[in-house]
Amino acid sequence: MSQEAVGKYKTVECKRGREWIFRVETGDDLYYALQQFAKDYNIQFAKIHAAFMGGFEPAIFAVWTPDSRDPDNWHSEHNYELKNLSMLLSMSGIIHLRMGKDGKHEPFPAVHFVIGGGWNVPTVGGHICPGTIVKGNCEFFITEILGIEVLIPEDELDQSAPENWYREIK
């Protein structure tokens, strides 16, 4: 690591907004339920935390995989489907804005999770993708984040990573 990179970071100050206990039940697509919730409540930014129950069948998630054609491509993700019933062990993430196909910002659930279980399910994790269907029910907390807005890539955003970054609203 170069001397210049030691201790460097970015930060924006934000505030808590509304808080919810969120529940989805058997047959619900977790990704689309979160996205619809964000649209219905006009949520631009939120944290997803403290999952306290849940199961999936199937679980579809993006995992980082090496890019054998381009070793410098550190952001190589591919979807993986685990069809067996799995138990949610841990989950956290955010809802933030991302550019939609129509050129407008829309809510994007960026959720990391870990699953496992006694049904021939390894302990694995990744980003939840559309098609992850709840079995039983799944509950967790959502806390709205206020006081920030997304940077427009042409403005001030470092293009080396695909994620958005934010600025404080004064």
N, C-alpha and C. Protein backbone atom coordinates (compact mmCIF):
# COMPACT_ATOMS: atom_id res chain seq x y z
N MET A 1 0.85 -1.18 0.00
CA MET A 1 0.00 0.00 0.00
C MET A 1 0.89 1.24 0.00
N SER A 2 0.55 2.17 -0.84
CA SER A 2 1.36 3.38 -0.91
C SER A 2 1.14 4.25 0.32
N GLN A 3 2.11 5.06 0.64
CA GLN A 3 2.03 5.95 1.80
C GLN A 3 0.85 6.92 1.67
N GLU A 4 0.56 7.36 0.44
CA GLU A 4 -0.52 8.33 0.23
C GLU A 4 -1.88 7.75 0.57
N ALA A 5 -2.08 6.46 0.43
CA ALA A 5 -3.39 5.85 0.64
C ALA A 5 -3.68 5.57 2.11
N VAL A 6 -2.71 5.59 2.95
CA VAL A 6 -2.92 5.26 4.36
C VAL A 6 -3.82 6.31 5.00
N GLY A 7 -4.90 5.87 5.59
CA GLY A 7 -5.79 6.75 6.33
C GLY A 7 -6.74 7.60 5.51
N LYS A 8 -6.79 7.42 4.20
CA LYS A 8 -7.68 8.23 3.38
C LYS A 8 -9.10 7.67 3.43
N TYR A 9 -10.09 8.56 3.44
CA TYR A 9 -11.48 8.14 3.38
C TYR A 9 -12.36 9.32 2.97
N LYS A 10 -13.62 9.03 2.66
CA LYS A 10 -14.62 10.05 2.36
C LYS A 10 -15.76 9.87 3.35
N THR A 11 -16.44 10.95 3.65
CA THR A 11 -17.56 10.88 4.57
C THR A 11 -18.57 11.97 4.28
N VAL A 12 -19.82 11.70 4.55
CA VAL A 12 -20.88 12.71 4.55
C VAL A 12 -21.69 12.49 5.82
N GLU A 13 -22.12 13.58 6.42
CA GLU A 13 -22.95 13.45 7.62
C GLU A 13 -24.41 13.34 7.19
N CYS A 14 -25.14 12.44 7.83
CA CYS A 14 -26.54 12.25 7.50
C CYS A 14 -27.35 12.10 8.79
N LYS A 15 -28.66 12.03 8.64
CA LYS A 15 -29.56 11.93 9.79
C LYS A 15 -30.53 10.78 9.59
N ARG A 16 -30.99 10.21 10.71
CA ARG A 16 -32.02 9.18 10.64
C ARG A 16 -33.37 9.81 10.32
N GLY A 17 -34.13 9.08 9.53
CA GLY A 17 -35.50 9.48 9.24
C GLY A 17 -36.46 8.47 9.85
N ARG A 18 -37.47 8.12 9.09
CA ARG A 18 -38.47 7.15 9.55
C ARG A 18 -37.84 5.78 9.70
N GLU A 19 -38.47 4.95 10.55
CA GLU A 19 -37.98 3.58 10.75
C GLU A 19 -39.15 2.61 10.66
N TRP A 20 -38.88 1.44 10.08
CA TRP A 20 -39.89 0.42 9.89
C TRP A 20 -39.37 -0.95 10.30
N ILE A 21 -40.29 -1.82 10.67
CA ILE A 21 -40.04 -3.27 10.67
C ILE A 21 -40.68 -3.74 9.37
N PHE A 22 -39.91 -4.41 8.55
CA PHE A 22 -40.33 -4.82 7.20
C PHE A 22 -40.51 -6.33 7.20
N ARG A 23 -41.60 -6.81 6.62
CA ARG A 23 -41.88 -8.26 6.57
C ARG A 23 -42.36 -8.63 5.18
N VAL A 24 -41.79 -9.70 4.66
CA VAL A 24 -42.27 -10.31 3.43
C VAL A 24 -42.54 -11.78 3.75
N GLU A 25 -43.48 -12.38 3.00
CA GLU A 25 -43.94 -13.72 3.33
C GLU A 25 -43.76 -14.67 2.16
N THR A 26 -44.08 -15.93 2.38
CA THR A 26 -43.91 -16.99 1.39
C THR A 26 -44.41 -16.55 0.02
N GLY A 27 -43.56 -16.72 -0.96
CA GLY A 27 -43.90 -16.42 -2.35
C GLY A 27 -43.50 -15.03 -2.80
N ASP A 28 -43.14 -14.13 -1.86
CA ASP A 28 -42.76 -12.77 -2.23
C ASP A 28 -41.32 -12.73 -2.74
N ASP A 29 -41.08 -11.93 -3.76
CA ASP A 29 -39.73 -11.69 -4.28
C ASP A 29 -39.11 -10.59 -3.42
N LEU A 30 -38.09 -10.91 -2.66
CA LEU A 30 -37.52 -9.97 -1.71
C LEU A 30 -37.00 -8.70 -2.38
N TYR A 31 -36.28 -8.84 -3.47
CA TYR A 31 -35.71 -7.68 -4.17
C TYR A 31 -36.81 -6.71 -4.61
N TYR A 32 -37.80 -7.25 -5.32
CA TYR A 32 -38.86 -6.37 -5.85
C TYR A 32 -39.73 -5.80 -4.74
N ALA A 33 -39.93 -6.55 -3.65
CA ALA A 33 -40.70 -6.02 -2.52
C ALA A 33 -39.99 -4.82 -1.91
N LEU A 34 -38.67 -4.91 -1.74
CA LEU A 34 -37.90 -3.78 -1.21
C LEU A 34 -37.95 -2.59 -2.16
N GLN A 35 -37.81 -2.84 -3.44
CA GLN A 35 -37.83 -1.74 -4.41
C GLN A 35 -39.20 -1.06 -4.42
N GLN A 36 -40.28 -1.86 -4.37
CA GLN A 36 -41.62 -1.28 -4.37
C GLN A 36 -41.88 -0.49 -3.10
N PHE A 37 -41.43 -1.02 -1.96
CA PHE A 37 -41.54 -0.32 -0.68
C PHE A 37 -40.89 1.07 -0.78
N ALA A 38 -39.68 1.12 -1.32
CA ALA A 38 -38.96 2.39 -1.45
C ALA A 38 -39.72 3.36 -2.35
N LYS A 39 -40.31 2.86 -3.41
CA LYS A 39 -41.11 3.73 -4.29
C LYS A 39 -42.36 4.22 -3.58
N ASP A 40 -43.05 3.32 -2.88
CA ASP A 40 -44.30 3.67 -2.21
C ASP A 40 -44.10 4.72 -1.11
N TYR A 41 -42.97 4.68 -0.43
CA TYR A 41 -42.70 5.60 0.68
C TYR A 41 -41.71 6.71 0.29
N ASN A 42 -41.41 6.83 -1.00
CA ASN A 42 -40.51 7.86 -1.52
C ASN A 42 -39.18 7.89 -0.77
N ILE A 43 -38.58 6.70 -0.64
CA ILE A 43 -37.30 6.57 0.05
C ILE A 43 -36.18 6.63 -0.98
N GLN A 44 -35.26 7.55 -0.78
CA GLN A 44 -34.11 7.66 -1.66
C GLN A 44 -32.91 6.92 -1.07
N PHE A 45 -32.79 6.96 0.26
CA PHE A 45 -31.67 6.30 0.94
C PHE A 45 -32.18 5.67 2.23
N ALA A 46 -31.73 4.47 2.52
CA ALA A 46 -32.11 3.79 3.76
C ALA A 46 -31.08 2.71 4.07
N LYS A 47 -31.00 2.33 5.35
CA LYS A 47 -30.16 1.19 5.71
C LYS A 47 -31.07 0.03 6.08
N ILE A 48 -30.65 -1.14 5.68
CA ILE A 48 -31.35 -2.39 5.97
C ILE A 48 -30.48 -3.12 6.98
N HIS A 49 -31.07 -3.51 8.12
CA HIS A 49 -30.24 -4.06 9.18
C HIS A 49 -31.04 -4.96 10.11
N ALA A 50 -30.30 -5.74 10.87
CA ALA A 50 -30.83 -6.56 11.96
C ALA A 50 -31.94 -7.50 11.52
N ALA A 51 -31.65 -8.33 10.52
CA ALA A 51 -32.62 -9.35 10.13
C ALA A 51 -32.79 -10.32 11.28
N PHE A 52 -34.05 -10.66 11.60
CA PHE A 52 -34.25 -11.57 12.71
C PHE A 52 -35.03 -12.82 12.36
N MET A 53 -35.35 -13.01 11.10
CA MET A 53 -35.85 -14.30 10.64
C MET A 53 -35.94 -14.29 9.13
N GLY A 54 -35.91 -15.49 8.54
CA GLY A 54 -36.10 -15.56 7.11
C GLY A 54 -35.60 -16.84 6.50
N GLY A 55 -36.18 -17.18 5.37
CA GLY A 55 -35.76 -18.31 4.57
C GLY A 55 -36.04 -18.02 3.11
N PHE A 56 -35.31 -18.69 2.21
CA PHE A 56 -35.48 -18.47 0.78
C PHE A 56 -35.54 -19.80 0.05
N GLU A 57 -36.31 -19.83 -1.04
CA GLU A 57 -36.32 -20.98 -1.94
C GLU A 57 -36.92 -20.53 -3.27
N PRO A 58 -36.13 -20.23 -4.27
CA PRO A 58 -34.68 -20.26 -4.34
C PRO A 58 -34.07 -18.95 -3.83
N ALA A 59 -32.75 -18.96 -3.66
CA ALA A 59 -31.98 -17.75 -3.36
C ALA A 59 -31.14 -17.47 -4.60
N ILE A 60 -31.31 -16.29 -5.15
CA ILE A 60 -30.53 -15.89 -6.33
C ILE A 60 -29.69 -14.70 -5.91
N PHE A 61 -28.39 -14.82 -6.12
CA PHE A 61 -27.51 -13.76 -5.64
C PHE A 61 -26.30 -13.63 -6.54
N ALA A 62 -25.77 -12.40 -6.54
CA ALA A 62 -24.56 -12.11 -7.31
C ALA A 62 -23.35 -12.32 -6.40
N VAL A 63 -22.36 -13.01 -6.92
CA VAL A 63 -21.12 -13.25 -6.17
C VAL A 63 -19.94 -12.77 -7.00
N TRP A 64 -18.94 -12.30 -6.30
CA TRP A 64 -17.72 -11.89 -7.00
C TRP A 64 -16.99 -13.13 -7.47
N THR A 65 -16.57 -13.08 -8.70
CA THR A 65 -15.81 -14.19 -9.28
C THR A 65 -14.62 -13.61 -10.03
N PRO A 66 -13.52 -14.33 -10.07
CA PRO A 66 -12.37 -13.83 -10.83
C PRO A 66 -12.72 -13.70 -12.31
N ASP A 67 -12.20 -12.70 -12.95
CA ASP A 67 -12.37 -12.49 -14.39
C ASP A 67 -11.09 -13.01 -15.05
N SER A 68 -11.15 -14.21 -15.56
CA SER A 68 -9.95 -14.84 -16.13
C SER A 68 -9.47 -14.14 -17.39
N ARG A 69 -10.33 -13.37 -18.05
CA ARG A 69 -9.93 -12.65 -19.26
C ARG A 69 -9.28 -11.31 -18.95
N ASP A 70 -9.64 -10.74 -17.75
CA ASP A 70 -9.11 -9.42 -17.40
C ASP A 70 -8.86 -9.37 -15.89
N PRO A 71 -7.65 -9.72 -15.45
CA PRO A 71 -7.35 -9.74 -14.01
C PRO A 71 -7.52 -8.39 -13.31
N ASP A 72 -7.52 -7.29 -14.06
CA ASP A 72 -7.72 -5.97 -13.46
C ASP A 72 -9.20 -5.66 -13.21
N ASN A 73 -10.09 -6.51 -13.71
CA ASN A 73 -11.52 -6.33 -13.51
C ASN A 73 -11.90 -6.88 -12.14
N TRP A 74 -11.77 -6.06 -11.10
CA TRP A 74 -12.04 -6.50 -9.74
C TRP A 74 -13.54 -6.56 -9.46
N HIS A 75 -14.36 -5.98 -10.32
CA HIS A 75 -15.80 -5.95 -10.07
C HIS A 75 -16.54 -6.94 -10.99
N SER A 76 -16.07 -8.17 -11.05
CA SER A 76 -16.68 -9.20 -11.87
C SER A 76 -17.69 -9.97 -11.02
N GLU A 77 -18.97 -9.76 -11.26
CA GLU A 77 -20.02 -10.45 -10.52
C GLU A 77 -20.84 -11.31 -11.46
N HIS A 78 -21.26 -12.46 -10.96
CA HIS A 78 -22.13 -13.35 -11.73
C HIS A 78 -23.21 -13.88 -10.81
N ASN A 79 -24.41 -14.07 -11.37
CA ASN A 79 -25.52 -14.58 -10.57
C ASN A 79 -25.38 -16.08 -10.34
N TYR A 80 -25.81 -16.49 -9.15
CA TYR A 80 -25.79 -17.88 -8.74
C TYR A 80 -27.15 -18.20 -8.15
N GLU A 81 -27.71 -19.36 -8.47
CA GLU A 81 -29.00 -19.75 -7.92
C GLU A 81 -28.84 -20.99 -7.06
N LEU A 82 -29.33 -20.89 -5.84
CA LEU A 82 -29.34 -22.02 -4.92
C LEU A 82 -30.80 -22.40 -4.73
N LYS A 83 -31.20 -23.57 -5.24
CA LYS A 83 -32.61 -23.95 -5.29
C LYS A 83 -33.14 -24.54 -3.98
N ASN A 84 -32.27 -25.11 -3.15
CA ASN A 84 -32.74 -25.72 -1.90
C ASN A 84 -33.20 -24.66 -0.91
N LEU A 85 -34.10 -25.05 -0.03
CA LEU A 85 -34.55 -24.18 1.05
C LEU A 85 -33.35 -23.77 1.89
N SER A 86 -33.18 -22.48 2.11
CA SER A 86 -32.06 -21.98 2.90
C SER A 86 -32.58 -21.09 4.02
N MET A 87 -31.79 -20.97 5.05
CA MET A 87 -32.14 -20.13 6.18
C MET A 87 -31.27 -18.88 6.15
N LEU A 88 -31.90 -17.73 6.34
CA LEU A 88 -31.17 -16.47 6.39
C LEU A 88 -30.41 -16.39 7.70
N LEU A 89 -29.10 -16.21 7.63
CA LEU A 89 -28.26 -16.12 8.82
C LEU A 89 -27.91 -14.68 9.16
N SER A 90 -27.76 -13.85 8.14
CA SER A 90 -27.38 -12.46 8.35
C SER A 90 -27.73 -11.66 7.10
N MET A 91 -28.11 -10.39 7.30
CA MET A 91 -28.44 -9.55 6.15
C MET A 91 -28.25 -8.10 6.55
N SER A 92 -27.69 -7.33 5.64
CA SER A 92 -27.60 -5.88 5.81
C SER A 92 -27.42 -5.26 4.44
N GLY A 93 -27.65 -3.98 4.37
CA GLY A 93 -27.47 -3.33 3.09
C GLY A 93 -28.06 -1.94 3.09
N ILE A 94 -28.25 -1.42 1.90
CA ILE A 94 -28.81 -0.09 1.75
C ILE A 94 -29.82 -0.08 0.61
N ILE A 95 -30.66 0.91 0.65
CA ILE A 95 -31.46 1.29 -0.52
C ILE A 95 -30.88 2.63 -0.94
N HIS A 96 -30.49 2.76 -2.18
CA HIS A 96 -29.99 4.02 -2.68
C HIS A 96 -30.47 4.21 -4.10
N LEU A 97 -30.16 5.33 -4.68
CA LEU A 97 -30.61 5.63 -6.03
C LEU A 97 -29.59 5.18 -7.05
N ARG A 98 -30.09 4.64 -8.14
CA ARG A 98 -29.25 4.25 -9.25
C ARG A 98 -29.98 4.61 -10.54
N MET A 99 -29.24 4.90 -11.57
CA MET A 99 -29.85 5.28 -12.83
C MET A 99 -30.61 4.10 -13.42
N GLY A 100 -31.90 4.32 -13.72
CA GLY A 100 -32.74 3.29 -14.33
C GLY A 100 -32.59 3.28 -15.83
N LYS A 101 -33.26 2.33 -16.46
CA LYS A 101 -33.18 2.20 -17.91
C LYS A 101 -33.79 3.40 -18.63
N ASP A 102 -34.70 4.11 -17.94
CA ASP A 102 -35.33 5.28 -18.53
C ASP A 102 -34.52 6.56 -18.34
N GLY A 103 -33.31 6.45 -17.76
CA GLY A 103 -32.46 7.61 -17.55
C GLY A 103 -32.77 8.40 -16.30
N LYS A 104 -33.70 7.90 -15.47
CA LYS A 104 -34.06 8.57 -14.22
C LYS A 104 -33.59 7.71 -13.05
N HIS A 105 -33.29 8.38 -11.92
CA HIS A 105 -32.90 7.63 -10.73
C HIS A 105 -34.08 6.86 -10.17
N GLU A 106 -33.81 5.63 -9.73
CA GLU A 106 -34.83 4.81 -9.08
C GLU A 106 -34.21 4.11 -7.88
N PRO A 107 -35.03 3.70 -6.90
CA PRO A 107 -34.48 3.01 -5.74
C PRO A 107 -33.84 1.68 -6.14
N PHE A 108 -32.67 1.42 -5.56
CA PHE A 108 -31.93 0.19 -5.84
C PHE A 108 -31.58 -0.48 -4.50
N PRO A 109 -32.18 -1.64 -4.20
CA PRO A 109 -31.81 -2.36 -2.98
C PRO A 109 -30.46 -3.06 -3.18
N ALA A 110 -29.46 -2.64 -2.45
CA ALA A 110 -28.14 -3.26 -2.49
C ALA A 110 -27.98 -4.01 -1.16
N VAL A 111 -28.36 -5.29 -1.18
CA VAL A 111 -28.47 -6.06 0.05
C VAL A 111 -27.48 -7.22 0.03
N HIS A 112 -26.66 -7.31 1.06
CA HIS A 112 -25.77 -8.45 1.24
C HIS A 112 -26.41 -9.40 2.23
N PHE A 113 -26.23 -10.69 2.00
CA PHE A 113 -26.79 -11.65 2.93
C PHE A 113 -25.92 -12.89 3.00
N VAL A 114 -26.12 -13.64 4.07
CA VAL A 114 -25.47 -14.94 4.26
C VAL A 114 -26.58 -15.93 4.54
N ILE A 115 -26.56 -17.06 3.84
CA ILE A 115 -27.54 -18.13 4.08
C ILE A 115 -26.82 -19.43 4.38
N GLY A 116 -27.55 -20.35 4.93
CA GLY A 116 -27.04 -21.68 5.21
C GLY A 116 -28.22 -22.56 5.57
N GLY A 117 -27.95 -23.74 6.06
CA GLY A 117 -29.04 -24.59 6.50
C GLY A 117 -28.68 -26.05 6.41
N GLY A 118 -29.59 -26.87 6.92
CA GLY A 118 -29.40 -28.31 6.95
C GLY A 118 -29.97 -29.02 5.74
N TRP A 119 -30.27 -28.29 4.67
CA TRP A 119 -30.89 -28.89 3.50
C TRP A 119 -29.92 -28.90 2.33
N ASN A 120 -28.71 -29.38 2.59
CA ASN A 120 -27.66 -29.37 1.58
C ASN A 120 -27.38 -27.97 1.06
N VAL A 121 -27.37 -27.01 1.97
CA VAL A 121 -27.09 -25.61 1.62
C VAL A 121 -25.78 -25.22 2.28
N PRO A 122 -24.78 -24.88 1.50
CA PRO A 122 -23.53 -24.39 2.10
C PRO A 122 -23.77 -23.01 2.72
N THR A 123 -22.89 -22.59 3.58
CA THR A 123 -22.95 -21.23 4.09
C THR A 123 -22.29 -20.34 3.05
N VAL A 124 -23.13 -19.53 2.39
CA VAL A 124 -22.68 -18.68 1.29
C VAL A 124 -23.33 -17.32 1.42
N GLY A 125 -22.82 -16.36 0.66
CA GLY A 125 -23.43 -15.04 0.67
C GLY A 125 -23.16 -14.30 -0.61
N GLY A 126 -23.81 -13.18 -0.75
CA GLY A 126 -23.64 -12.33 -1.92
C GLY A 126 -24.66 -11.21 -1.90
N HIS A 127 -24.92 -10.63 -3.08
CA HIS A 127 -25.94 -9.58 -3.25
C HIS A 127 -27.25 -10.23 -3.65
N ILE A 128 -28.34 -9.91 -2.96
CA ILE A 128 -29.65 -10.44 -3.33
C ILE A 128 -30.04 -9.91 -4.70
N CYS A 129 -30.54 -10.81 -5.54
CA CYS A 129 -30.98 -10.47 -6.89
C CYS A 129 -32.47 -10.75 -7.04
N PRO A 130 -33.10 -10.14 -8.05
CA PRO A 130 -34.49 -10.49 -8.33
C PRO A 130 -34.62 -12.00 -8.51
N GLY A 131 -35.72 -12.55 -8.02
CA GLY A 131 -35.93 -13.99 -8.10
C GLY A 131 -35.66 -14.71 -6.79
N THR A 132 -35.16 -13.98 -5.78
CA THR A 132 -34.98 -14.57 -4.45
C THR A 132 -36.35 -14.57 -3.78
N ILE A 133 -36.91 -15.76 -3.60
CA ILE A 133 -38.28 -15.91 -3.13
C ILE A 133 -38.29 -16.34 -1.66
N VAL A 134 -39.08 -15.62 -0.88
CA VAL A 134 -39.17 -15.87 0.56
C VAL A 134 -39.95 -17.16 0.81
N LYS A 135 -39.45 -17.95 1.75
CA LYS A 135 -40.13 -19.15 2.22
C LYS A 135 -40.37 -18.96 3.71
N GLY A 136 -41.61 -19.06 4.16
CA GLY A 136 -41.95 -18.71 5.53
C GLY A 136 -42.16 -17.22 5.58
N ASN A 137 -41.34 -16.53 6.34
CA ASN A 137 -41.34 -15.07 6.28
C ASN A 137 -39.95 -14.56 6.59
N CYS A 138 -39.75 -13.31 6.26
CA CYS A 138 -38.45 -12.67 6.43
C CYS A 138 -38.71 -11.30 7.02
N GLU A 139 -38.06 -11.00 8.15
CA GLU A 139 -38.28 -9.72 8.81
C GLU A 139 -36.96 -9.06 9.14
N PHE A 140 -36.94 -7.73 9.02
CA PHE A 140 -35.75 -6.94 9.34
C PHE A 140 -36.16 -5.49 9.50
N PHE A 141 -35.22 -4.66 9.90
CA PHE A 141 -35.46 -3.24 10.11
C PHE A 141 -34.96 -2.44 8.92
N ILE A 142 -35.68 -1.35 8.65
CA ILE A 142 -35.26 -0.38 7.63
C ILE A 142 -35.28 1.00 8.28
N THR A 143 -34.17 1.72 8.16
CA THR A 143 -34.07 3.08 8.68
C THR A 143 -33.77 4.02 7.52
N GLU A 144 -34.64 4.99 7.33
CA GLU A 144 -34.45 6.00 6.28
C GLU A 144 -33.26 6.89 6.65
N ILE A 145 -32.50 7.28 5.64
CA ILE A 145 -31.36 8.18 5.82
C ILE A 145 -31.69 9.50 5.12
N LEU A 146 -31.56 10.59 5.86
CA LEU A 146 -31.89 11.92 5.35
C LEU A 146 -30.65 12.81 5.30
N GLY A 147 -30.74 13.87 4.53
CA GLY A 147 -29.69 14.89 4.52
C GLY A 147 -28.58 14.66 3.51
N ILE A 148 -28.79 13.71 2.56
CA ILE A 148 -27.79 13.47 1.53
C ILE A 148 -28.48 13.36 0.17
N GLU A 149 -27.70 13.56 -0.87
CA GLU A 149 -28.17 13.33 -2.23
C GLU A 149 -27.05 12.67 -3.02
N VAL A 150 -27.42 11.99 -4.09
CA VAL A 150 -26.42 11.29 -4.89
C VAL A 150 -25.64 12.29 -5.73
N LEU A 151 -24.35 12.06 -5.86
CA LEU A 151 -23.53 12.87 -6.76
C LEU A 151 -23.80 12.43 -8.19
N ILE A 152 -23.88 13.35 -9.06
CA ILE A 152 -24.03 13.03 -10.48
C ILE A 152 -22.64 12.66 -10.99
N PRO A 153 -22.49 11.51 -11.66
CA PRO A 153 -21.15 11.08 -12.07
C PRO A 153 -20.32 12.13 -12.78
N GLU A 154 -20.93 12.96 -13.61
CA GLU A 154 -20.17 13.96 -14.33
C GLU A 154 -19.64 15.06 -13.40
N ASP A 155 -20.24 15.20 -12.23
CA ASP A 155 -19.85 16.26 -11.30
C ASP A 155 -18.54 15.92 -10.60
N GLU A 156 -18.63 15.16 -9.53
CA GLU A 156 -17.49 14.97 -8.64
C GLU A 156 -17.15 13.51 -8.39
N LEU A 157 -17.84 12.59 -9.06
CA LEU A 157 -17.72 11.18 -8.71
C LEU A 157 -16.51 10.51 -9.34
N ASP A 158 -15.75 9.81 -8.51
CA ASP A 158 -14.64 8.98 -8.97
C ASP A 158 -15.22 7.79 -9.73
N GLN A 159 -14.86 7.62 -10.97
CA GLN A 159 -15.44 6.58 -11.82
C GLN A 159 -14.75 5.22 -11.68
N SER A 160 -13.84 5.05 -10.72
CA SER A 160 -13.12 3.79 -10.60
C SER A 160 -13.96 2.68 -9.98
N ALA A 161 -15.11 3.00 -9.38
CA ALA A 161 -15.99 2.00 -8.79
C ALA A 161 -17.40 2.23 -9.31
N PRO A 162 -18.21 1.17 -9.40
CA PRO A 162 -19.56 1.33 -9.97
C PRO A 162 -20.57 1.93 -9.00
N GLU A 163 -20.24 2.04 -7.72
CA GLU A 163 -21.19 2.54 -6.75
C GLU A 163 -21.28 4.06 -6.78
N ASN A 164 -22.45 4.56 -6.37
CA ASN A 164 -22.64 6.00 -6.23
C ASN A 164 -21.91 6.50 -4.99
N TRP A 165 -21.76 7.80 -4.92
CA TRP A 165 -21.31 8.45 -3.69
C TRP A 165 -22.22 9.64 -3.48
N TYR A 166 -22.15 10.26 -2.32
CA TYR A 166 -23.16 11.22 -1.90
C TYR A 166 -22.54 12.52 -1.46
N ARG A 167 -23.39 13.55 -1.35
CA ARG A 167 -22.99 14.82 -0.74
C ARG A 167 -24.10 15.24 0.21
N GLU A 168 -23.70 16.01 1.21
CA GLU A 168 -24.65 16.50 2.19
C GLU A 168 -25.53 17.56 1.55
N ILE A 169 -26.79 17.55 1.95
CA ILE A 169 -27.72 18.60 1.54
C ILE A 169 -27.66 19.67 2.62
N LYS A 170 -27.30 20.86 2.25
CA LYS A 170 -27.18 21.95 3.23
C LYS A 170 -28.48 22.64 3.45
